[in-house]
Amino acid sequence: MKKLLCLVVACMLVLTTVGCTKESGNDDQNPYAKYKVAMVSATVGTDEFILQALRQVQAMSQEYGFTFTSLECANNDDWDLKARKAAEEGYNLIVGVGWNAAAPFSALADEFSNVSFGVIDTAAENEKVMSIKYNTTDGCYVMGAMIAAAFPNDKKFGYIGNYQNQSNFEYKYGFMEGVKSLIPDAQFPTAYADTYADTSAAYNKAVEIAAQIAGEGHFIMGSVANSANAGIYQFALEKAAQGNDYIYTSGLSVDQTTADNPYILTGLTKNTAIAMKHIVSDFLQDGKVTGGVTTLGVNDDAFCVVGINFDANFRNSDIITDDVLAAGKKAAQDLKDGKVVLPYVMENDYQG
């Protein structure tokens, strides 16, 4: 029923914005003016992961006329403190952008029953919270198929993650299945940097994996973190300067393809703007959110593959040919049509 109200809400918005602009000061005609929305996140800075969500809710605030504020957290304790303060000050919807929000927002949702809570890129245990997760496995499948098409004669494809855990395995699992859809006997030498931030650790793991795929592979998927992946990118540049055995890799979080480093072929991004719009739009329909977990993926343009969901900043057309892009788009369509289904698998149970 709630989804059926979307069109009604949109029509109401057209009518109210025509008859009641901010200049008129007549908020009584705007059903959204009474709402106060807060976004809680880590320090924004230049982090596109956060900025996308911030720009989206700011734009919606202007469009709909509700009050909005952004609260930045310098440490883990801030997530509870700042969200609590917003709840105490009468904010109706509080949205946390990042995994740090899950635990404190779950507790606060019980304490402040008249406040709606949402989280992005994580899942809160409390079913009252609206949680938006990303289907990383499907997106990585699409990228894997694209990379296999780019290197059809390779037998080994490297993978470097941050920590060995189930969340990281979901990235690797999708990538492996995508590659194997075209190269069934592919192998995947793997290493973990045990960090989210140490560039040198990622660099050292790139050296290690490159030695394992030498002569049988060219690509190392980088899934450490936005900043730490820079170590892999640096290694790829240095390897190219040596004039042999080129190593190619992928970006993470934002589009990191660039003419300055043509060895970054593609990447994975999370569109937090879509997630934010999903939560705020749901709330505006009746002043409360639909609790539980919603998963958005590559075919929602939410968990995106650079070159597939949008054009890359830079395309190394020698490697990422039209046929390679077509392979990625076919993989995405196969997922959408149900021709390919990737069941959830625990790492210890994976039989690849």
Protein backbone atom coordinates (compact mmCIF):
# COMPACT_ATOMS: atom_id res chain seq x y z
CA MET A 1 0.00 0.00 0.00
CA LYS A 2 2.82 2.35 0.89
CA LYS A 3 4.40 2.11 -2.55
CA LEU A 4 1.02 2.85 -4.15
CA LEU A 5 1.05 6.23 -2.46
CA CYS A 6 4.19 7.40 -4.31
CA LEU A 7 2.23 8.93 -7.17
CA VAL A 8 -0.14 10.64 -4.77
CA VAL A 9 2.80 12.10 -2.86
CA ALA A 10 4.35 13.38 -6.07
CA CYS A 11 1.08 15.03 -7.10
CA MET A 12 0.72 16.63 -3.67
CA LEU A 13 4.21 18.02 -4.03
CA VAL A 14 3.38 19.63 -7.38
CA LEU A 15 0.29 21.25 -5.93
CA THR A 16 1.92 22.49 -2.75
CA THR A 17 5.05 23.86 -4.40
CA VAL A 18 2.95 25.82 -6.87
CA GLY A 19 0.82 27.36 -4.15
CA CYS A 20 3.43 27.63 -1.41
CA THR A 21 7.04 28.57 -1.99
CA LYS A 22 9.55 29.27 0.75
CA GLU A 23 9.13 32.98 0.07
CA SER A 24 5.43 32.85 0.87
CA GLY A 25 6.10 31.61 4.40
CA ASN A 26 2.85 29.65 4.32
CA ASP A 27 4.09 26.26 5.51
CA ASP A 28 0.58 25.17 6.45
CA GLN A 29 0.01 24.15 2.83
CA ASN A 30 3.18 22.03 2.73
CA PRO A 31 2.74 18.65 4.46
CA TYR A 32 6.51 18.16 4.57
CA ALA A 33 7.50 21.42 6.25
CA LYS A 34 6.86 19.96 9.71
CA TYR A 35 9.54 17.30 9.28
CA LYS A 36 13.12 17.53 10.50
CA VAL A 37 15.72 15.18 8.99
CA ALA A 38 19.29 14.59 10.21
CA MET A 39 22.12 12.75 8.49
CA VAL A 40 24.86 11.25 10.67
CA SER A 41 28.17 10.26 9.09
CA ALA A 42 31.91 10.28 9.48
CA THR A 43 33.67 13.53 8.63
CA VAL A 44 32.48 14.46 5.15
CA GLY A 45 35.55 16.11 3.64
CA THR A 46 35.91 15.02 0.03
CA ASP A 47 34.60 11.49 0.54
CA GLU A 48 32.19 10.89 -2.36
CA PHE A 49 30.62 7.97 -0.49
CA ILE A 50 29.28 10.47 2.05
CA LEU A 51 28.94 13.45 -0.28
CA GLN A 52 26.54 11.61 -2.59
CA ALA A 53 24.12 11.00 0.28
CA LEU A 54 24.57 14.54 1.61
CA ARG A 55 23.86 16.18 -1.75
CA GLN A 56 20.79 13.99 -2.23
CA VAL A 57 19.16 14.84 1.09
CA GLN A 58 20.05 18.52 0.70
CA ALA A 59 18.36 18.55 -2.69
CA MET A 60 15.30 16.80 -1.27
CA SER A 61 15.16 19.30 1.57
CA GLN A 62 15.02 22.12 -0.98
CA GLU A 63 12.46 20.28 -3.08
CA TYR A 64 10.12 19.22 -0.31
CA GLY A 65 10.71 21.97 2.23
CA PHE A 66 11.67 19.93 5.30
CA THR A 67 14.40 20.99 7.73
CA PHE A 68 17.75 19.25 7.38
CA THR A 69 21.02 19.07 9.28
CA SER A 70 24.25 17.11 8.87
CA LEU A 71 26.07 15.72 11.91
CA GLU A 72 29.68 14.55 11.48
CA CYS A 73 31.35 12.00 13.75
CA ALA A 74 35.03 12.06 14.67
CA ASN A 75 34.97 8.72 16.52
CA ASN A 76 32.70 5.74 17.18
CA ASP A 77 31.18 7.24 20.33
CA ASP A 78 29.94 10.23 18.34
CA TRP A 79 27.49 8.08 16.39
CA ASP A 80 25.38 7.44 19.48
CA LEU A 81 25.87 10.88 21.00
CA LYS A 82 24.97 12.88 17.91
CA ALA A 83 22.07 10.71 16.81
CA ARG A 84 20.72 10.83 20.37
CA LYS A 85 21.00 14.62 20.42
CA ALA A 86 19.07 14.85 17.15
CA ALA A 87 16.34 12.59 18.54
CA GLU A 88 16.10 14.68 21.70
CA GLU A 89 15.85 17.86 19.62
CA GLY A 90 12.82 16.58 17.77
CA TYR A 91 14.24 15.30 14.50
CA ASN A 92 11.73 12.95 12.92
CA LEU A 93 14.09 10.99 10.67
CA ILE A 94 17.75 10.24 11.40
CA VAL A 95 19.81 8.50 8.71
CA GLY A 96 23.26 7.05 9.38
CA VAL A 97 25.65 6.66 6.44
CA GLY A 98 28.13 3.88 7.20
CA TRP A 99 28.47 0.65 9.15
CA ASN A 100 29.07 2.55 12.41
CA ALA A 101 25.38 3.45 12.58
CA ALA A 102 23.96 -0.07 12.87
CA ALA A 103 24.44 -0.78 16.59
CA PRO A 104 23.65 2.65 18.10
CA PHE A 105 20.67 3.22 15.81
CA SER A 106 19.23 -0.17 16.76
CA ALA A 107 19.29 0.83 20.43
CA LEU A 108 17.98 4.34 19.81
CA ALA A 109 15.04 3.06 17.75
CA ASP A 110 13.67 1.36 20.87
CA GLU A 111 14.39 4.33 23.12
CA PHE A 112 12.83 6.91 20.80
CA SER A 113 9.72 5.20 19.44
CA ASN A 114 8.44 8.40 17.83
CA VAL A 115 11.60 8.82 15.70
CA SER A 116 12.34 6.99 12.46
CA PHE A 117 15.85 5.67 11.85
CA GLY A 118 17.57 4.55 8.67
CA VAL A 119 21.05 3.24 7.92
CA ILE A 120 23.00 2.99 4.66
CA ASP A 121 25.59 0.35 3.74
CA THR A 122 24.84 -1.78 6.78
CA ALA A 123 22.01 -3.73 8.40
CA ALA A 124 20.67 -2.87 11.82
CA GLU A 125 19.49 -5.74 14.01
CA ASN A 126 16.42 -3.79 15.08
CA GLU A 127 13.63 -4.36 12.54
CA LYS A 128 12.28 -0.87 13.26
CA VAL A 129 15.27 0.59 11.46
CA MET A 130 15.19 0.88 7.66
CA SER A 131 18.45 -0.64 6.45
CA ILE A 132 19.80 -0.25 2.91
CA LYS A 133 22.45 -2.77 1.95
CA TYR A 134 24.25 -3.29 -1.33
CA ASN A 135 24.35 -6.51 -3.32
CA THR A 136 28.12 -6.54 -3.69
CA THR A 137 28.15 -10.09 -5.00
CA ASP A 138 26.09 -9.33 -8.11
CA GLY A 139 28.14 -6.24 -8.92
CA CYS A 140 31.38 -8.14 -8.56
CA TYR A 141 29.99 -10.88 -10.82
CA VAL A 142 29.45 -8.30 -13.55
CA MET A 143 32.97 -6.96 -13.12
CA GLY A 144 34.39 -10.49 -13.14
CA ALA A 145 32.67 -11.31 -16.42
CA MET A 146 34.00 -8.10 -17.92
CA ILE A 147 37.56 -8.78 -16.77
CA ALA A 148 37.43 -12.37 -18.05
CA ALA A 149 36.38 -11.02 -21.44
CA ALA A 150 39.30 -8.60 -21.33
CA PHE A 151 41.83 -11.36 -20.56
CA PRO A 152 40.37 -14.51 -22.16
CA ASN A 153 43.69 -16.35 -22.24
CA ASP A 154 44.57 -15.82 -18.58
CA LYS A 155 44.26 -18.60 -16.04
CA LYS A 156 44.94 -16.69 -12.84
CA PHE A 157 43.19 -13.61 -11.48
CA GLY A 158 44.48 -12.05 -8.27
CA TYR A 159 42.41 -10.74 -5.39
CA ILE A 160 43.50 -8.49 -2.51
CA GLY A 161 41.03 -7.72 0.27
CA ASN A 162 41.22 -5.88 3.56
CA TYR A 163 40.44 -8.58 6.14
CA GLN A 164 39.44 -12.19 5.66
CA ASN A 165 35.81 -12.12 6.72
CA GLN A 166 32.41 -12.92 5.25
CA SER A 167 31.79 -9.39 4.04
CA ASN A 168 35.01 -9.39 2.05
CA PHE A 169 34.30 -12.87 0.74
CA GLU A 170 31.08 -11.60 -0.86
CA TYR A 171 33.21 -9.39 -3.13
CA LYS A 172 35.59 -12.22 -3.98
CA TYR A 173 32.78 -14.74 -4.48
CA GLY A 174 30.99 -12.57 -7.03
CA PHE A 175 34.22 -11.78 -8.85
CA MET A 176 35.22 -15.45 -9.03
CA GLU A 177 31.82 -16.52 -10.34
CA GLY A 178 31.87 -13.77 -12.96
CA VAL A 179 35.30 -14.77 -14.21
CA LYS A 180 34.40 -18.47 -14.20
CA SER A 181 31.29 -17.79 -16.28
CA LEU A 182 33.75 -17.34 -19.16
CA ILE A 183 36.88 -19.14 -17.88
CA PRO A 184 35.64 -22.11 -15.83
CA ASP A 185 39.09 -23.31 -14.75
CA ALA A 186 40.34 -19.92 -13.56
CA GLN A 187 42.32 -19.74 -10.32
CA PHE A 188 42.34 -16.91 -7.77
CA PRO A 189 45.50 -16.30 -5.73
CA THR A 190 44.37 -14.25 -2.73
CA ALA A 191 45.90 -12.08 -0.05
CA TYR A 192 44.60 -9.82 2.72
CA ALA A 193 46.25 -6.55 3.70
CA ASP A 194 44.71 -6.59 7.21
CA THR A 195 44.03 -2.87 6.98
CA TYR A 196 41.60 -0.33 5.58
CA ALA A 197 44.13 2.48 5.35
CA ASP A 198 47.74 1.30 4.99
CA THR A 199 48.84 1.94 1.41
CA SER A 200 52.19 0.21 1.89
CA ALA A 201 50.49 -2.96 3.13
CA ALA A 202 48.35 -3.09 -0.01
CA TYR A 203 51.46 -2.47 -2.13
CA ASN A 204 53.27 -5.38 -0.48
CA LYS A 205 50.34 -7.70 -1.11
CA ALA A 206 50.29 -6.63 -4.76
CA VAL A 207 53.93 -7.70 -5.03
CA GLU A 208 53.03 -11.04 -3.46
CA ILE A 209 50.03 -11.73 -5.71
CA ALA A 210 51.82 -10.58 -8.86
CA ALA A 211 54.49 -13.19 -8.17
CA GLN A 212 51.81 -15.87 -7.91
CA ILE A 213 50.07 -15.00 -11.16
CA ALA A 214 53.27 -14.31 -13.10
CA GLY A 215 53.05 -15.57 -16.65
CA GLU A 216 49.45 -16.75 -16.23
CA GLY A 217 47.57 -13.58 -15.36
CA HIS A 218 47.43 -9.81 -15.60
CA PHE A 219 44.67 -8.63 -13.29
CA ILE A 220 44.54 -8.09 -9.51
CA MET A 221 41.21 -6.99 -8.05
CA GLY A 222 41.77 -4.41 -5.32
CA SER A 223 39.18 -4.60 -2.55
CA VAL A 224 41.07 -3.16 0.41
CA ALA A 225 39.66 0.36 0.74
CA ASN A 226 39.42 3.55 -1.27
CA SER A 227 42.67 4.98 0.07
CA ALA A 228 44.68 1.81 0.71
CA ASN A 229 44.09 0.55 -2.82
CA ALA A 230 46.52 3.28 -3.91
CA GLY A 231 49.32 0.87 -3.04
CA ILE A 232 48.10 -1.53 -5.72
CA TYR A 233 47.79 1.32 -8.22
CA GLN A 234 51.35 2.41 -7.50
CA PHE A 235 52.63 -1.11 -8.00
CA ALA A 236 50.85 -1.32 -11.37
CA LEU A 237 52.55 1.90 -12.48
CA GLU A 238 55.96 0.67 -11.37
CA LYS A 239 55.43 -2.70 -13.03
CA ALA A 240 54.60 -0.94 -16.30
CA ALA A 241 57.72 1.22 -16.03
CA GLN A 242 59.76 -1.97 -16.02
CA GLY A 243 58.36 -2.66 -19.49
CA ASN A 244 57.06 -6.19 -19.02
CA ASP A 245 54.35 -8.24 -17.30
CA TYR A 246 51.83 -5.43 -16.98
CA ILE A 247 49.50 -5.64 -14.00
CA TYR A 248 46.00 -4.20 -14.20
CA THR A 249 43.60 -3.56 -11.34
CA SER A 250 40.28 -2.02 -10.28
CA GLY A 251 39.11 0.92 -8.18
CA LEU A 252 36.81 1.00 -5.20
CA SER A 253 34.16 3.36 -3.77
CA VAL A 254 34.54 6.04 -6.46
CA ASP A 255 35.55 6.01 -10.14
CA GLN A 256 39.34 5.96 -9.98
CA THR A 257 40.03 5.40 -13.67
CA THR A 258 42.41 8.04 -14.97
CA ALA A 259 44.72 8.69 -17.91
CA ASP A 260 47.51 9.12 -15.36
CA ASN A 261 47.18 5.44 -14.49
CA PRO A 262 45.68 3.48 -17.41
CA TYR A 263 46.21 0.24 -15.47
CA ILE A 264 43.10 0.93 -13.37
CA LEU A 265 40.60 -0.58 -15.79
CA THR A 266 37.29 -0.34 -13.98
CA GLY A 267 35.97 -0.30 -10.42
CA LEU A 268 33.08 -0.68 -8.01
CA THR A 269 31.10 2.16 -6.49
CA LYS A 270 28.28 2.44 -4.00
CA ASN A 271 25.65 5.02 -4.89
CA THR A 272 24.63 6.39 -1.51
CA ALA A 273 22.42 9.01 -3.18
CA ILE A 274 20.01 6.31 -4.34
CA ALA A 275 19.98 4.75 -0.88
CA MET A 276 19.31 8.12 0.77
CA LYS A 277 16.50 8.90 -1.67
CA HIS A 278 15.01 5.47 -0.97
CA ILE A 279 14.86 6.12 2.78
CA VAL A 280 13.71 9.74 2.71
CA SER A 281 11.04 9.10 0.05
CA ASP A 282 9.71 6.19 2.08
CA PHE A 283 9.55 8.36 5.20
CA LEU A 284 7.79 11.26 3.46
CA GLN A 285 4.91 9.07 2.40
CA ASP A 286 3.47 8.78 5.91
CA GLY A 287 6.02 10.14 8.39
CA LYS A 288 7.64 6.80 9.22
CA VAL A 289 9.98 4.35 7.56
CA THR A 290 9.41 0.78 6.49
CA GLY A 291 11.61 -1.23 8.81
CA GLY A 292 13.85 -4.10 7.81
CA VAL A 293 16.52 -4.64 5.19
CA THR A 294 16.34 -3.57 1.55
CA THR A 295 19.12 -4.71 -0.76
CA LEU A 296 20.02 -2.66 -3.83
CA GLY A 297 22.37 -3.85 -6.55
CA VAL A 298 23.91 -3.35 -9.94
CA ASN A 299 20.59 -3.30 -11.77
CA ASP A 300 19.33 -0.57 -9.44
CA ASP A 301 22.38 1.57 -10.33
CA ALA A 302 23.16 1.35 -6.62
CA PHE A 303 26.20 -0.94 -6.48
CA CYS A 304 27.81 0.09 -9.73
CA VAL A 305 30.48 -1.18 -12.08
CA VAL A 306 32.52 1.56 -13.73
CA GLY A 307 31.92 1.41 -17.47
CA ILE A 308 28.69 -0.55 -17.11
CA ASN A 309 26.39 1.60 -14.97
CA PHE A 310 28.07 4.78 -16.16
CA ASP A 311 30.92 5.81 -18.45
CA ALA A 312 34.36 5.73 -16.86
CA ASN A 313 36.34 8.89 -16.24
CA PHE A 314 38.97 7.28 -18.46
CA ARG A 315 38.64 4.21 -20.63
CA ASN A 316 41.70 2.17 -21.57
CA SER A 317 40.15 1.14 -24.86
CA ASP A 318 43.07 -1.15 -25.70
CA ILE A 319 41.85 -3.45 -22.91
CA ILE A 320 38.27 -2.37 -22.22
CA THR A 321 36.95 -2.81 -25.75
CA ASP A 322 33.33 -2.60 -26.86
CA ASP A 323 33.16 -6.40 -26.67
CA VAL A 324 34.41 -6.33 -23.09
CA LEU A 325 31.76 -3.80 -22.09
CA ALA A 326 29.16 -5.90 -23.88
CA ALA A 327 30.18 -8.91 -21.77
CA GLY A 328 29.68 -6.88 -18.60
CA LYS A 329 26.29 -5.60 -19.73
CA LYS A 330 25.20 -9.11 -20.66
CA ALA A 331 26.17 -10.36 -17.20
CA ALA A 332 24.08 -7.59 -15.60
CA GLN A 333 21.13 -8.44 -17.83
CA ASP A 334 21.45 -12.14 -17.03
CA LEU A 335 21.21 -11.31 -13.34
CA LYS A 336 18.21 -9.08 -13.94
CA ASP A 337 16.44 -11.75 -16.02
CA GLY A 338 17.14 -14.47 -13.47
CA LYS A 339 19.32 -16.45 -15.86
CA VAL A 340 22.10 -16.19 -13.30
CA VAL A 341 21.33 -16.51 -9.60
CA LEU A 342 24.10 -16.30 -7.02
CA PRO A 343 22.90 -17.86 -3.76
CA TYR A 344 24.31 -16.52 -0.52
CA VAL A 345 27.29 -18.67 0.41
CA MET A 346 29.46 -18.70 3.52
CA GLU A 347 33.15 -18.72 2.74
CA ASN A 348 33.76 -22.03 4.51
CA ASP A 349 30.99 -23.64 2.45
CA TYR A 350 32.08 -22.36 -0.95
CA GLN A 351 32.75 -25.09 -3.45
CA GLY A 352 34.33 -23.20 -6.34
